[in-house]
Every structure is written in C-alpha cells, then in structure tokens.
N, C-alpha and C. Protein backbone atom coordinates (compact mmCIF):
# COMPACT_ATOMS: atom_id res chain seq x y z
N MET A 1 79.88 253.25 63.99
CA MET A 1 79.31 253.51 65.30
C MET A 1 78.18 252.51 65.56
N THR A 2 78.21 251.91 66.71
CA THR A 2 77.21 250.92 67.08
C THR A 2 76.05 251.61 67.79
N LYS A 3 74.84 251.25 67.42
CA LYS A 3 73.65 251.80 68.07
C LYS A 3 73.45 251.09 69.41
N LEU A 4 73.38 251.87 70.47
CA LEU A 4 73.18 251.31 71.80
C LEU A 4 71.69 251.10 72.06
N PRO A 5 71.34 250.05 72.81
CA PRO A 5 69.95 249.88 73.22
C PRO A 5 69.49 251.08 74.05
N ILE A 6 68.23 251.44 73.91
CA ILE A 6 67.67 252.58 74.64
C ILE A 6 66.63 252.06 75.63
N ALA A 7 66.78 252.47 76.90
CA ALA A 7 65.84 252.07 77.95
C ALA A 7 64.92 253.25 78.25
N GLN A 8 63.64 253.08 77.93
CA GLN A 8 62.65 254.11 78.20
C GLN A 8 61.54 253.61 79.13
N THR A 9 61.61 252.35 79.51
CA THR A 9 60.59 251.76 80.37
C THR A 9 61.21 251.36 81.71
N LEU A 10 60.57 251.79 82.78
CA LEU A 10 61.01 251.47 84.14
C LEU A 10 60.00 250.54 84.79
N HIS A 11 60.49 249.43 85.33
CA HIS A 11 59.67 248.51 86.11
C HIS A 11 60.15 248.60 87.55
N ARG A 12 59.25 248.96 88.46
CA ARG A 12 59.61 249.10 89.86
C ARG A 12 59.84 247.73 90.51
N LYS A 13 60.69 247.73 91.50
CA LYS A 13 61.02 246.53 92.28
C LYS A 13 59.73 245.82 92.69
N GLY A 14 59.70 244.51 92.50
CA GLY A 14 58.54 243.73 92.87
C GLY A 14 57.47 243.66 91.80
N HIS A 15 57.65 244.40 90.71
CA HIS A 15 56.64 244.43 89.64
C HIS A 15 57.20 243.92 88.32
N TRP A 16 58.25 243.12 88.41
CA TRP A 16 58.81 242.52 87.20
C TRP A 16 59.49 241.21 87.59
N THR A 17 59.64 240.33 86.61
CA THR A 17 60.34 239.06 86.81
C THR A 17 61.13 238.76 85.55
N GLY A 18 61.94 237.75 85.64
CA GLY A 18 62.68 237.30 84.47
C GLY A 18 64.15 237.60 84.56
N PRO A 19 64.89 237.17 83.56
CA PRO A 19 66.33 237.38 83.56
C PRO A 19 66.68 238.85 83.31
N ALA A 20 67.82 239.26 83.85
CA ALA A 20 68.28 240.63 83.66
C ALA A 20 69.77 240.71 83.91
N GLN A 21 70.42 241.60 83.17
CA GLN A 21 71.78 241.98 83.52
C GLN A 21 71.66 242.94 84.71
N THR A 22 72.76 243.33 85.30
CA THR A 22 72.73 244.26 86.42
C THR A 22 73.53 245.51 86.10
N CYS A 23 73.17 246.60 86.75
CA CYS A 23 73.91 247.86 86.65
C CYS A 23 74.00 248.42 88.06
N THR A 24 75.20 248.49 88.59
CA THR A 24 75.42 248.93 89.96
C THR A 24 75.77 250.42 89.98
N LEU A 25 74.96 251.19 90.70
CA LEU A 25 75.11 252.65 90.76
C LEU A 25 75.01 253.13 92.19
N ASP A 26 75.75 254.19 92.52
CA ASP A 26 75.61 254.78 93.85
C ASP A 26 74.33 255.62 93.91
N TYR A 27 74.02 256.14 95.08
CA TYR A 27 72.77 256.87 95.30
C TYR A 27 72.64 258.05 94.34
N ASP A 28 73.69 258.85 94.20
CA ASP A 28 73.62 260.02 93.32
C ASP A 28 73.41 259.63 91.87
N ALA A 29 74.07 258.58 91.41
CA ALA A 29 73.96 258.14 90.02
C ALA A 29 72.60 257.52 89.71
N ARG A 30 71.86 257.12 90.74
CA ARG A 30 70.54 256.53 90.53
C ARG A 30 69.45 257.58 90.36
N PHE A 31 69.81 258.84 90.28
CA PHE A 31 68.87 259.94 90.05
C PHE A 31 69.17 260.50 88.67
N LEU A 32 68.35 260.14 87.69
CA LEU A 32 68.69 260.49 86.32
C LEU A 32 67.46 260.59 85.42
N ARG A 33 67.67 261.14 84.25
CA ARG A 33 66.66 261.15 83.21
C ARG A 33 67.24 260.56 81.93
N ARG A 34 68.34 261.14 81.48
CA ARG A 34 68.98 260.66 80.26
C ARG A 34 70.48 260.50 80.54
N LYS A 35 70.97 259.28 80.30
CA LYS A 35 72.38 259.03 80.59
C LYS A 35 72.83 257.72 79.94
N ARG A 36 74.08 257.68 79.51
CA ARG A 36 74.67 256.44 79.00
C ARG A 36 75.21 255.67 80.20
N LEU A 37 74.83 254.41 80.30
CA LEU A 37 75.29 253.55 81.38
C LEU A 37 75.89 252.27 80.80
N THR A 38 76.59 251.54 81.64
CA THR A 38 77.16 250.25 81.26
C THR A 38 76.75 249.23 82.32
N THR A 39 76.28 248.08 81.87
CA THR A 39 75.92 247.03 82.82
C THR A 39 77.18 246.48 83.48
N ASP A 40 77.00 245.78 84.57
CA ASP A 40 78.13 245.14 85.24
C ASP A 40 78.79 244.11 84.33
N GLU A 41 78.05 243.63 83.34
CA GLU A 41 78.56 242.65 82.38
C GLU A 41 79.26 243.31 81.19
N GLY A 42 79.27 244.67 81.15
CA GLY A 42 80.00 245.40 80.10
C GLY A 42 79.18 245.87 78.92
N GLN A 43 77.86 245.72 78.95
CA GLN A 43 76.98 246.14 77.85
C GLN A 43 76.56 247.59 78.03
N GLY A 44 76.86 248.43 77.06
CA GLY A 44 76.43 249.82 77.10
C GLY A 44 74.97 249.95 76.72
N PHE A 45 74.30 250.93 77.31
CA PHE A 45 72.92 251.26 76.93
C PHE A 45 72.64 252.70 77.34
N VAL A 46 71.58 253.27 76.78
CA VAL A 46 71.21 254.65 77.08
C VAL A 46 69.87 254.65 77.81
N VAL A 47 69.82 255.35 78.94
CA VAL A 47 68.56 255.56 79.65
C VAL A 47 67.97 256.85 79.11
N ASP A 48 66.71 256.81 78.73
CA ASP A 48 66.01 257.99 78.20
C ASP A 48 64.59 257.98 78.75
N LEU A 49 64.45 258.46 79.99
CA LEU A 49 63.15 258.46 80.67
C LEU A 49 62.42 259.79 80.42
N ALA A 50 61.14 259.79 80.58
CA ALA A 50 60.33 260.98 80.32
C ALA A 50 60.63 262.11 81.31
N GLN A 51 61.03 261.76 82.53
CA GLN A 51 61.35 262.76 83.54
C GLN A 51 62.47 262.25 84.44
N THR A 52 63.10 263.15 85.16
CA THR A 52 64.14 262.75 86.09
C THR A 52 63.52 261.84 87.14
N THR A 53 64.17 260.71 87.37
CA THR A 53 63.61 259.64 88.19
C THR A 53 64.65 259.12 89.16
N SER A 54 64.20 258.76 90.35
CA SER A 54 65.06 258.11 91.33
C SER A 54 64.88 256.61 91.19
N LEU A 55 65.95 255.93 90.80
CA LEU A 55 65.92 254.47 90.65
C LEU A 55 66.29 253.83 91.98
N ASP A 56 65.57 252.78 92.33
CA ASP A 56 65.81 252.07 93.57
C ASP A 56 66.47 250.72 93.31
N HIS A 57 67.17 250.22 94.30
CA HIS A 57 67.74 248.89 94.24
C HIS A 57 66.62 247.90 93.94
N GLY A 58 66.78 247.12 92.88
CA GLY A 58 65.76 246.14 92.50
C GLY A 58 64.85 246.57 91.39
N ASP A 59 64.87 247.86 91.02
CA ASP A 59 64.12 248.32 89.86
C ASP A 59 64.76 247.74 88.61
N ALA A 60 64.02 247.73 87.50
CA ALA A 60 64.59 247.26 86.23
C ALA A 60 64.24 248.23 85.11
N LEU A 61 65.20 248.47 84.26
CA LEU A 61 64.99 249.24 83.04
C LEU A 61 64.85 248.26 81.90
N GLU A 62 63.90 248.51 81.02
CA GLU A 62 63.71 247.65 79.85
C GLU A 62 64.13 248.41 78.61
N THR A 63 64.99 247.80 77.80
CA THR A 63 65.48 248.45 76.59
C THR A 63 64.55 248.17 75.41
N ASP A 64 64.78 248.89 74.32
CA ASP A 64 63.99 248.71 73.10
C ASP A 64 64.23 247.35 72.46
N THR A 65 65.23 246.61 72.93
CA THR A 65 65.47 245.24 72.42
C THR A 65 64.74 244.20 73.27
N GLY A 66 64.08 244.65 74.35
CA GLY A 66 63.37 243.75 75.25
C GLY A 66 64.21 243.25 76.41
N ALA A 67 65.49 243.61 76.43
CA ALA A 67 66.37 243.20 77.53
C ALA A 67 66.05 244.03 78.77
N ARG A 68 66.29 243.43 79.93
CA ARG A 68 66.09 244.14 81.19
C ARG A 68 67.41 244.27 81.93
N VAL A 69 67.54 245.41 82.61
CA VAL A 69 68.73 245.70 83.41
C VAL A 69 68.27 246.04 84.81
N MET A 70 68.64 245.18 85.78
CA MET A 70 68.27 245.43 87.17
C MET A 70 69.25 246.41 87.80
N ILE A 71 68.72 247.40 88.50
CA ILE A 71 69.54 248.40 89.19
C ILE A 71 69.93 247.85 90.56
N CYS A 72 71.22 247.94 90.87
CA CYS A 72 71.75 247.52 92.16
C CYS A 72 72.39 248.71 92.86
N ALA A 73 72.16 248.85 94.14
CA ALA A 73 72.77 249.93 94.92
C ALA A 73 74.23 249.58 95.20
N ALA A 74 75.12 250.49 94.82
CA ALA A 74 76.56 250.30 95.05
C ALA A 74 76.91 250.58 96.50
N ALA A 75 77.94 249.92 96.98
CA ALA A 75 78.48 250.24 98.30
C ALA A 75 79.13 251.62 98.22
N GLU A 76 78.85 252.45 99.22
CA GLU A 76 79.43 253.79 99.25
C GLU A 76 79.69 254.19 100.69
N ASN A 77 80.40 255.29 100.87
CA ASN A 77 80.77 255.75 102.21
C ASN A 77 79.54 256.28 102.93
N VAL A 78 79.19 255.62 104.03
CA VAL A 78 78.04 256.02 104.83
C VAL A 78 78.43 256.10 106.30
N LEU A 79 77.55 256.71 107.06
CA LEU A 79 77.67 256.71 108.51
C LEU A 79 76.53 255.88 109.06
N ILE A 80 76.86 254.95 109.95
CA ILE A 80 75.85 254.19 110.66
C ILE A 80 75.55 254.96 111.94
N VAL A 81 74.29 255.32 112.11
CA VAL A 81 73.86 256.13 113.24
C VAL A 81 73.10 255.23 114.21
N THR A 82 73.58 255.18 115.46
CA THR A 82 72.88 254.44 116.50
C THR A 82 72.82 255.32 117.74
N GLY A 83 71.88 255.02 118.59
CA GLY A 83 71.72 255.80 119.82
C GLY A 83 70.47 255.38 120.53
N ASN A 84 70.21 256.03 121.66
CA ASN A 84 69.08 255.65 122.50
C ASN A 84 67.73 256.05 121.93
N ASN A 85 67.67 257.09 121.12
CA ASN A 85 66.40 257.58 120.64
C ASN A 85 66.46 257.78 119.12
N LEU A 86 66.34 256.68 118.37
CA LEU A 86 66.46 256.76 116.91
C LEU A 86 65.39 257.65 116.29
N ALA A 87 64.20 257.68 116.86
CA ALA A 87 63.14 258.54 116.31
C ALA A 87 63.56 260.00 116.36
N ARG A 88 64.14 260.43 117.48
CA ARG A 88 64.62 261.82 117.62
C ARG A 88 65.75 262.09 116.63
N LEU A 89 66.67 261.16 116.50
CA LEU A 89 67.78 261.34 115.58
C LEU A 89 67.28 261.40 114.13
N ALA A 90 66.32 260.54 113.80
CA ALA A 90 65.74 260.56 112.46
C ALA A 90 65.05 261.89 112.18
N TRP A 91 64.40 262.47 113.18
CA TRP A 91 63.75 263.76 113.01
C TRP A 91 64.79 264.83 112.67
N HIS A 92 65.90 264.86 113.41
CA HIS A 92 66.94 265.86 113.14
C HIS A 92 67.55 265.67 111.75
N ILE A 93 67.76 264.44 111.34
CA ILE A 93 68.30 264.16 110.01
C ILE A 93 67.30 264.62 108.94
N GLY A 94 66.04 264.26 109.13
CA GLY A 94 65.01 264.64 108.17
C GLY A 94 64.78 266.14 108.12
N ASN A 95 64.91 266.80 109.25
CA ASN A 95 64.73 268.25 109.29
C ASN A 95 65.77 268.98 108.44
N ARG A 96 66.88 268.32 108.17
CA ARG A 96 67.92 268.90 107.31
C ARG A 96 67.82 268.34 105.89
N HIS A 97 66.72 267.66 105.60
CA HIS A 97 66.46 267.09 104.26
C HIS A 97 67.60 266.20 103.80
N THR A 98 68.17 265.46 104.74
CA THR A 98 69.27 264.54 104.46
C THR A 98 68.69 263.16 104.17
N PRO A 99 69.01 262.57 103.02
CA PRO A 99 68.53 261.21 102.74
C PRO A 99 68.97 260.25 103.84
N CYS A 100 68.05 259.37 104.23
CA CYS A 100 68.31 258.49 105.37
C CYS A 100 67.70 257.12 105.13
N GLN A 101 68.50 256.10 105.32
CA GLN A 101 68.03 254.71 105.26
C GLN A 101 67.66 254.32 106.68
N ILE A 102 66.40 253.95 106.87
CA ILE A 102 65.88 253.65 108.21
C ILE A 102 65.78 252.14 108.39
N GLU A 103 66.48 251.64 109.38
CA GLU A 103 66.43 250.21 109.71
C GLU A 103 65.94 250.07 111.15
N HIS A 104 65.71 248.84 111.57
CA HIS A 104 65.15 248.57 112.90
C HIS A 104 66.00 249.17 114.03
N ASP A 105 67.30 248.99 113.96
CA ASP A 105 68.15 249.40 115.08
C ASP A 105 69.23 250.40 114.71
N ARG A 106 69.12 250.98 113.50
CA ARG A 106 70.12 251.97 113.08
C ARG A 106 69.59 252.78 111.91
N LEU A 107 70.27 253.90 111.68
CA LEU A 107 70.01 254.75 110.52
C LEU A 107 71.29 254.82 109.71
N LEU A 108 71.18 254.93 108.39
CA LEU A 108 72.35 255.13 107.54
C LEU A 108 72.18 256.43 106.78
N ILE A 109 73.25 257.23 106.76
CA ILE A 109 73.26 258.47 105.98
C ILE A 109 74.57 258.53 105.21
N GLN A 110 74.60 259.36 104.18
CA GLN A 110 75.86 259.57 103.49
C GLN A 110 76.84 260.22 104.46
N ASN A 111 78.12 259.95 104.26
CA ASN A 111 79.14 260.46 105.17
C ASN A 111 79.32 261.96 104.94
N ASP A 112 78.68 262.74 105.78
CA ASP A 112 78.68 264.21 105.69
C ASP A 112 79.20 264.77 107.01
N PRO A 113 80.36 265.44 107.00
CA PRO A 113 80.95 265.92 108.26
C PRO A 113 80.08 266.91 109.03
N VAL A 114 79.30 267.73 108.32
CA VAL A 114 78.45 268.71 109.00
C VAL A 114 77.33 268.01 109.76
N ILE A 115 76.66 267.06 109.10
CA ILE A 115 75.59 266.31 109.75
C ILE A 115 76.18 265.44 110.87
N ALA A 116 77.35 264.87 110.63
CA ALA A 116 78.00 264.04 111.66
C ALA A 116 78.28 264.88 112.91
N HIS A 117 78.75 266.10 112.73
CA HIS A 117 79.04 266.99 113.87
C HIS A 117 77.76 267.27 114.67
N MET A 118 76.67 267.55 113.95
CA MET A 118 75.39 267.80 114.62
C MET A 118 74.96 266.57 115.42
N LEU A 119 75.07 265.40 114.80
CA LEU A 119 74.64 264.17 115.46
C LEU A 119 75.50 263.84 116.68
N GLU A 120 76.79 264.11 116.60
CA GLU A 120 77.68 263.88 117.75
C GLU A 120 77.24 264.71 118.95
N HIS A 121 76.79 265.95 118.68
CA HIS A 121 76.31 266.82 119.77
C HIS A 121 74.99 266.34 120.36
N LEU A 122 74.31 265.45 119.66
CA LEU A 122 73.07 264.88 120.17
C LEU A 122 73.31 263.56 120.89
N GLY A 123 74.58 263.20 121.08
CA GLY A 123 74.92 261.98 121.80
C GLY A 123 74.81 260.71 120.96
N THR A 124 75.00 260.85 119.68
CA THR A 124 74.86 259.73 118.74
C THR A 124 76.16 258.93 118.65
N ASN A 125 76.02 257.63 118.42
CA ASN A 125 77.17 256.80 118.06
C ASN A 125 77.24 256.75 116.54
N LEU A 126 78.38 257.10 115.98
CA LEU A 126 78.58 257.08 114.53
C LEU A 126 79.69 256.11 114.17
N THR A 127 79.45 255.33 113.14
CA THR A 127 80.45 254.39 112.64
C THR A 127 80.53 254.55 111.14
N GLU A 128 81.74 254.76 110.63
CA GLU A 128 81.93 254.85 109.18
C GLU A 128 81.90 253.45 108.59
N ALA A 129 81.29 253.33 107.41
CA ALA A 129 81.20 252.03 106.73
C ALA A 129 81.08 252.25 105.23
N LYS A 130 81.26 251.19 104.49
CA LYS A 130 81.05 251.20 103.05
C LYS A 130 79.97 250.16 102.77
N LEU A 131 78.75 250.64 102.51
CA LEU A 131 77.58 249.78 102.35
C LEU A 131 76.68 250.30 101.24
N PRO A 132 75.85 249.43 100.66
CA PRO A 132 74.83 249.93 99.74
C PRO A 132 73.91 250.90 100.49
N PHE A 133 73.53 252.00 99.83
CA PHE A 133 72.73 253.04 100.46
C PHE A 133 71.40 253.17 99.72
N THR A 134 70.32 252.85 100.43
CA THR A 134 68.98 252.91 99.84
C THR A 134 68.04 253.64 100.79
N PRO A 135 68.11 254.97 100.78
CA PRO A 135 67.29 255.75 101.71
C PRO A 135 65.81 255.69 101.39
N GLU A 136 65.01 256.09 102.38
CA GLU A 136 63.56 256.17 102.22
C GLU A 136 63.22 257.16 101.12
N GLY A 137 62.11 256.90 100.43
CA GLY A 137 61.60 257.84 99.44
C GLY A 137 60.88 258.98 100.13
N GLY A 138 60.59 260.01 99.38
CA GLY A 138 59.92 261.19 99.94
C GLY A 138 58.45 260.96 100.22
N ALA A 139 57.92 261.73 101.13
CA ALA A 139 56.51 261.64 101.48
C ALA A 139 55.61 262.18 100.37
N TYR A 140 56.17 262.98 99.46
CA TYR A 140 55.37 263.61 98.41
C TYR A 140 55.52 262.90 97.09
N GLY A 141 55.88 261.64 97.11
CA GLY A 141 56.02 260.87 95.90
C GLY A 141 57.23 259.97 95.99
N HIS A 142 57.36 259.11 95.02
CA HIS A 142 58.45 258.15 94.98
C HIS A 142 59.76 258.86 94.75
N GLY A 143 60.77 258.55 95.52
CA GLY A 143 62.08 259.07 95.21
C GLY A 143 62.69 259.96 96.26
N ARG A 144 63.31 261.02 95.82
CA ARG A 144 64.17 261.85 96.65
C ARG A 144 63.40 262.67 97.66
N THR A 145 64.10 262.99 98.77
CA THR A 145 63.46 263.70 99.87
C THR A 145 63.80 265.18 99.90
N HIS A 146 64.64 265.65 99.01
CA HIS A 146 65.04 267.05 99.06
C HIS A 146 64.42 267.83 97.92
N SER A 147 64.56 269.15 97.98
CA SER A 147 64.12 270.06 96.93
C SER A 147 62.64 269.93 96.63
N HIS A 148 61.84 269.85 97.66
CA HIS A 148 60.40 269.82 97.45
C HIS A 148 59.77 271.02 98.13
N GLU A 149 58.51 271.25 97.82
CA GLU A 149 57.80 272.36 98.42
C GLU A 149 56.71 271.84 99.35
N HIS A 150 56.39 272.63 100.36
CA HIS A 150 55.27 272.34 101.26
C HIS A 150 54.22 273.41 100.98
N GLY A 151 53.16 273.04 100.30
CA GLY A 151 52.11 274.02 100.00
C GLY A 151 52.54 274.95 98.89
N ALA A 152 52.12 276.22 98.97
CA ALA A 152 52.35 277.16 97.89
C ALA A 152 53.77 277.69 97.85
N THR A 153 54.45 277.73 98.97
CA THR A 153 55.80 278.28 98.97
C THR A 153 56.75 277.33 99.67
N ALA A 154 57.99 277.35 99.22
CA ALA A 154 59.00 276.51 99.85
C ALA A 154 59.48 277.17 101.13
N HIS A 155 59.94 276.36 102.08
CA HIS A 155 60.48 276.91 103.31
C HIS A 155 62.00 276.86 103.26
N ALA A 156 62.64 277.70 104.05
CA ALA A 156 64.10 277.74 104.09
C ALA A 156 64.56 277.33 105.47
N HIS A 157 65.75 276.75 105.51
CA HIS A 157 66.36 276.38 106.79
C HIS A 157 67.53 277.27 107.04
C-alpha cells in the first residue's frame, strides 16, 4: 500500500504563488473536511483539514511533501439569470439561501427547477448552461451561505 500525501494546509486564492498541480471539483465537492482526492494529473492525495471548509477556485492545498494543489471550479449545470432588476432577483434567490454567483449583468445559480419556477414568475430570463460555478461567500464568514443562524435562534422559511 502506498502512502498518499496529506494536505492539511490551505492557502487562499491570492495568498500563494509557485507551481501546483490542479484538482477540478464541482461546487458540492469543494465543501469538505476529510476526503481522498485525485489531481487532474492523476496524483492521489488526502485532504485532512481541521474543520469543514469551502474551497474556492484558485485556493491551494499544501501537502506534507510540500507540493501544492490548486483547486479549480468544474463546469456544472447552472441557470443564467438575467432580467430588468437583478438586485430584486438576487434578493429572492438569497432569501431562499440559494448559492448565487453575482456578476455585472447576470446571476448564476445551480439548475434547480423549484427556484427556476419562482424566478420565471418574477419575469426572469433563464438560460441553461454548463459553466464553472463560484458563488458568493456568506456574510457570516468565508464560504457557504446556507445553514447559518441569525442571532440566538435560527429562522425558518
């Protein structure tokens, strides 16, 4: 049995340089604590972080051998949201705790038929696409926007 390199150090995008292999993961797979992964070049390694972490496109994991692996966002099924009032549409998406990538002239969300139906009723233009998905991080810390609490008690929708 071959011992795999172990990655316990995370370098955030913009805070590291140098050569690195790449590991392409979709949005769901970029939320992890401990997991065996394989680089795009075929090298296996184990991620063993202190806590569950949301990895962003451009972050790098450093292994115990000193090698770095840059995380790349995989293309996945998304909906491109456009319309006359993107701020209003973003509010409705956020109110449902749906991860959302915010760009100048469009929003991207995972392809969810329930959210799509709601957006259609708001007069939204929706286009299906396969693109890398890198939604905004949460207001209460780096990473995911769902499953958080506001104050002492969580609210329900």
